[in-house]
C-alpha atoms as a PDB file:
ATOM      1  CA  MET A   1      -1.805  -7.691  -5.523  1.00  0.00           C
ATOM      2  CA  PHE A   2      -0.288  -4.197  -5.716  1.00  0.00           C
ATOM      3  CA  PRO A   3       3.626  -4.532  -5.705  1.00  0.00           C
ATOM      4  CA  VAL A   4       5.284  -1.813  -3.850  1.00  0.00           C
ATOM      5  CA  TYR A   5       8.795  -1.613  -3.355  1.00  0.00           C
ATOM      6  CA  PHE A   6       9.766  -0.149   0.177  1.00  0.00           C
ATOM      7  CA  ARG A   7      13.277   1.732   0.014  1.00  0.00           C
ATOM      8  CA  GLN A   8      15.823   0.625   2.497  1.00  0.00           C
ATOM      9  CA  PRO A   9      17.639   2.959   4.633  1.00  0.00           C
ATOM     10  CA  ASP A  10      20.922   2.650   2.622  1.00  0.00           C
ATOM     11  CA  GLU A  11      18.841   3.598  -0.661  1.00  0.00           C
ATOM     12  CA  VAL A  12      17.408   6.630   1.202  1.00  0.00           C
ATOM     13  CA  ARG A  13      20.646   7.851   2.628  1.00  0.00           C
ATOM     14  CA  ALA A  14      22.469   7.280  -0.826  1.00  0.00           C
ATOM     15  CA  PRO A  15      21.636  10.582  -2.386  1.00  0.00           C
ATOM     16  CA  LEU A  16      22.641  12.659   0.858  1.00  0.00           C
ATOM     17  CA  THR A  17      25.853  11.080   1.067  1.00  0.00           C
ATOM     18  CA  ARG A  18      26.571  10.834  -2.881  1.00  0.00           C
ATOM     19  CA  GLU A  19      25.476  14.254  -3.714  1.00  0.00           C
ATOM     20  CA  ALA A  20      27.879  16.983  -2.443  1.00  0.00           C
ATOM     21  CA  ASP A  21      25.156  19.786  -2.570  1.00  0.00           C
ATOM     22  CA  LEU A  22      22.889  17.565  -0.532  1.00  0.00           C
ATOM     23  CA  HIS A  23      25.365  16.388   1.770  1.00  0.00           C
ATOM     24  CA  ASP A  24      26.553  19.934   2.490  1.00  0.00           C
ATOM     25  CA  ALA A  25      22.921  21.113   2.942  1.00  0.00           C
ATOM     26  CA  PHE A  26      21.475  18.598   5.401  1.00  0.00           C
ATOM     27  CA  GLU A  27      22.496  16.227   8.268  1.00  0.00           C
ATOM     28  CA  ILE A  28      20.480  13.090   8.777  1.00  0.00           C
ATOM     29  CA  VAL A  29      19.020  13.333  12.384  1.00  0.00           C
ATOM     30  CA  GLU A  30      16.989  10.056  12.177  1.00  0.00           C
ATOM     31  CA  LEU A  31      16.267   7.315   9.624  1.00  0.00           C
ATOM     32  CA  THR A  32      14.254   4.446  10.713  1.00  0.00           C
ATOM     33  CA  ASN A  33      12.333   1.777   9.013  1.00  0.00           C
ATOM     34  CA  GLU A  34       9.778  -0.297  10.705  1.00  0.00           C
ATOM     35  CA  ARG A  35       7.346  -3.013   9.741  1.00  0.00           C
ATOM     36  CA  LEU A  36       3.903  -2.391  10.969  1.00  0.00           C
ATOM     37  CA  PRO A  37       1.663  -4.934  12.026  1.00  0.00           C
ATOM     38  CA  SER A  38      -1.639  -5.402  10.000  1.00  0.00           C
ATOM     39  CA  PRO A  39      -4.697  -4.493  12.144  1.00  0.00           C
ATOM     40  CA  TYR A  40      -6.647  -6.660   9.641  1.00  0.00           C
ATOM     41  CA  GLU A  41      -4.361  -9.788  10.176  1.00  0.00           C
ATOM     42  CA  ASP A  42      -4.679  -9.166  13.920  1.00  0.00           C
ATOM     43  CA  THR A  43      -8.451  -8.941  14.044  1.00  0.00           C
ATOM     44  CA  LEU A  44      -8.647 -11.930  11.999  1.00  0.00           C
ATOM     45  CA  ALA A  45      -6.501 -13.702  14.432  1.00  0.00           C
ATOM     46  CA  GLU A  46      -8.428 -12.442  17.524  1.00  0.00           C
ATOM     47  CA  THR A  47     -11.934 -12.911  16.178  1.00  0.00           C
ATOM     48  CA  GLY A  48     -11.747 -15.551  13.297  1.00  0.00           C
ATOM     49  CA  ASP A  49     -14.486 -13.402  11.555  1.00  0.00           C
ATOM     50  CA  VAL A  50     -13.409 -14.141   8.015  1.00  0.00           C
ATOM     51  CA  GLU A  51     -16.326 -11.931   6.372  1.00  0.00           C
ATOM     52  CA  ALA A  52     -15.493  -8.870   8.568  1.00  0.00           C
ATOM     53  CA  TYR A  53     -11.856  -9.400   7.657  1.00  0.00           C
ATOM     54  CA  ALA A  54     -12.483  -9.792   3.881  1.00  0.00           C
ATOM     55  CA  ASP A  55     -14.717  -6.756   3.807  1.00  0.00           C
ATOM     56  CA  ALA A  56     -12.225  -4.527   5.792  1.00  0.00           C
ATOM     57  CA  TYR A  57      -9.265  -5.415   3.972  1.00  0.00           C
ATOM     58  CA  ALA A  58     -10.985  -5.009   0.610  1.00  0.00           C
ATOM     59  CA  GLY A  59     -12.235  -1.755   1.856  1.00  0.00           C
ATOM     60  CA  PHE A  60      -8.815  -0.689   2.737  1.00  0.00           C
ATOM     61  CA  ALA A  61      -7.440  -1.438  -0.770  1.00  0.00           C
ATOM     62  CA  ARG A  62     -10.111   0.014  -2.550  1.00  0.00           C
ATOM     63  CA  ALA A  63      -9.595   3.443  -0.384  1.00  0.00           C
ATOM     64  CA  PHE A  64      -6.087   3.605  -1.603  1.00  0.00           C
ATOM     65  CA  ALA A  65      -6.143   1.989  -4.967  1.00  0.00           C
ATOM     66  CA  GLU A  66      -9.414   2.634  -6.719  1.00  0.00           C
ATOM     67  CA  SER A  67      -8.737   6.043  -8.191  1.00  0.00           C
ATOM     68  CA  THR A  68      -5.302   4.817  -9.803  1.00  0.00           C
ATOM     69  CA  LEU A  69      -6.879   1.578 -11.071  1.00  0.00           C
ATOM     70  CA  ARG A  70      -9.891   3.622 -12.360  1.00  0.00           C
ATOM     71  CA  SER A  71      -7.935   6.184 -14.419  1.00  0.00           C
ATOM     72  CA  ALA A  72      -5.034   3.557 -15.502  1.00  0.00           C
ATOM     73  CA  LEU A  73      -6.875   0.546 -16.181  1.00  0.00           C
ATOM     74  CA  PHE A  74     -10.478   0.418 -15.617  1.00  0.00           C
ATOM     75  CA  GLU A  75     -11.659   3.427 -18.094  1.00  0.00           C
ATOM     76  CA  GLY A  76      -9.422   2.437 -20.814  1.00  0.00           C
ATOM     77  CA  SER A  77     -10.584  -1.256 -20.724  1.00  0.00           C
ATOM     78  CA  ALA A  78     -14.460  -0.684 -20.168  1.00  0.00           C
ATOM     79  CA  PRO A  79     -16.440  -2.142 -23.263  1.00  0.00           C
ATOM     80  CA  GLU A  80     -18.277   1.186 -23.536  1.00  0.00           C
ATOM     81  CA  PRO A  81     -17.961   4.719 -22.121  1.00  0.00           C
ATOM     82  CA  GLY A  82     -19.119   4.895 -18.492  1.00  0.00           C
ATOM     83  CA  LYS A  83     -18.585   1.517 -17.613  1.00  0.00           C
ATOM     84  CA  ALA A  84     -15.459   2.131 -15.568  1.00  0.00           C
ATOM     85  CA  ASP A  85     -17.669   1.855 -12.305  1.00  0.00           C
ATOM     86  CA  GLU A  86     -18.862  -1.416 -13.029  1.00  0.00           C
ATOM     87  CA  LEU A  87     -15.404  -2.655 -13.690  1.00  0.00           C
ATOM     88  CA  SER A  88     -14.171  -1.208 -10.399  1.00  0.00           C
ATOM     89  CA  ASP A  89     -17.235  -2.813  -8.441  1.00  0.00           C
ATOM     90  CA  GLU A  90     -16.626  -6.123 -10.012  1.00  0.00           C
ATOM     91  CA  PHE A  91     -12.801  -5.957  -9.222  1.00  0.00           C
ATOM     92  CA  PHE A  92     -13.086  -5.021  -5.739  1.00  0.00           C
ATOM     93  CA  HIS A  93     -15.836  -7.596  -5.309  1.00  0.00           C
ATOM     94  CA  ARG A  94     -13.563 -10.261  -6.742  1.00  0.00           C
ATOM     95  CA  LEU A  95     -10.786  -8.952  -4.269  1.00  0.00           C
ATOM     96  CA  ARG A  96     -12.982  -9.257  -1.256  1.00  0.00           C
ATOM     97  CA  ASP A  97     -13.976 -12.785  -2.053  1.00  0.00           C
ATOM     98  CA  LEU A  98     -10.418 -13.648  -2.682  1.00  0.00           C
ATOM     99  CA  PHE A  99      -9.766 -12.296   0.788  1.00  0.00           C
ATOM    100  CA  ALA A 100     -12.721 -14.468   2.181  1.00  0.00           C
ATOM    101  CA  ALA A 101     -11.651 -17.726   0.556  1.00  0.00           C
ATOM    102  CA  GLU A 102      -7.994 -17.461   1.586  1.00  0.00           C
ATOM    103  CA  PRO A 103      -7.993 -15.285   4.587  1.00  0.00           C
ATOM    104  CA  GLY A 104      -4.439 -14.486   5.424  1.00  0.00           C
ATOM    105  CA  ARG A 105      -2.751 -15.471   2.274  1.00  0.00           C
ATOM    106  CA  HIS A 106      -2.951 -12.151   0.417  1.00  0.00           C
ATOM    107  CA  GLY A 107      -1.948  -9.855   3.312  1.00  0.00           C
ATOM    108  CA  PHE A 108      -0.068  -6.618   2.563  1.00  0.00           C
ATOM    109  CA  GLU A 109       3.037  -5.626   3.862  1.00  0.00           C
ATOM    110  CA  HIS A 110       2.920  -2.159   5.779  1.00  0.00           C
ATOM    111  CA  GLU A 111       6.164  -0.312   6.562  1.00  0.00           C
ATOM    112  CA  VAL A 112       6.833   3.208   7.620  1.00  0.00           C
ATOM    113  CA  MET A 113      10.126   4.980   7.386  1.00  0.00           C
ATOM    114  CA  VAL A 114      11.009   8.045   9.119  1.00  0.00           C
ATOM    115  CA  LEU A 115      13.564  10.496   7.724  1.00  0.00           C
ATOM    116  CA  VAL A 116      14.480  13.801   9.712  1.00  0.00           C
ATOM    117  CA  LEU A 117      16.795  16.048   8.095  1.00  0.00           C
ATOM    118  CA  ARG A 118      18.482  19.238   9.736  1.00  0.00           C
ATOM    119  CA  LYS A 119      19.534  22.054   7.488  1.00  0.00           C
ATOM    120  CA  ARG A 120      23.319  22.595   8.196  1.00  0.00           C
END
């Protein structure tokens, strides 16, 4: 749905090793990358409640993506001014329906990277 590229540790480390001023200024204390389990997928597996899964996952997507979609897509695509809310509602309603129709198929990947630097 929303392609996001997760940088790999070597890509994060590169500027700190390639750029002399950064290399001289900072030491990498910790650099880890971890894929996190999806609470939505886990709850679906535990309960089998497809409707709750679809509602929660669509709500999660709406929470992080609506403002960007509204400003970059819905406001410019609305057939008339003031209809961006309707487009947004329709989009997330359809997304919720997709999650319900194909539970688990369109899951997001969650990754977290920790980078701790020490000033030299």
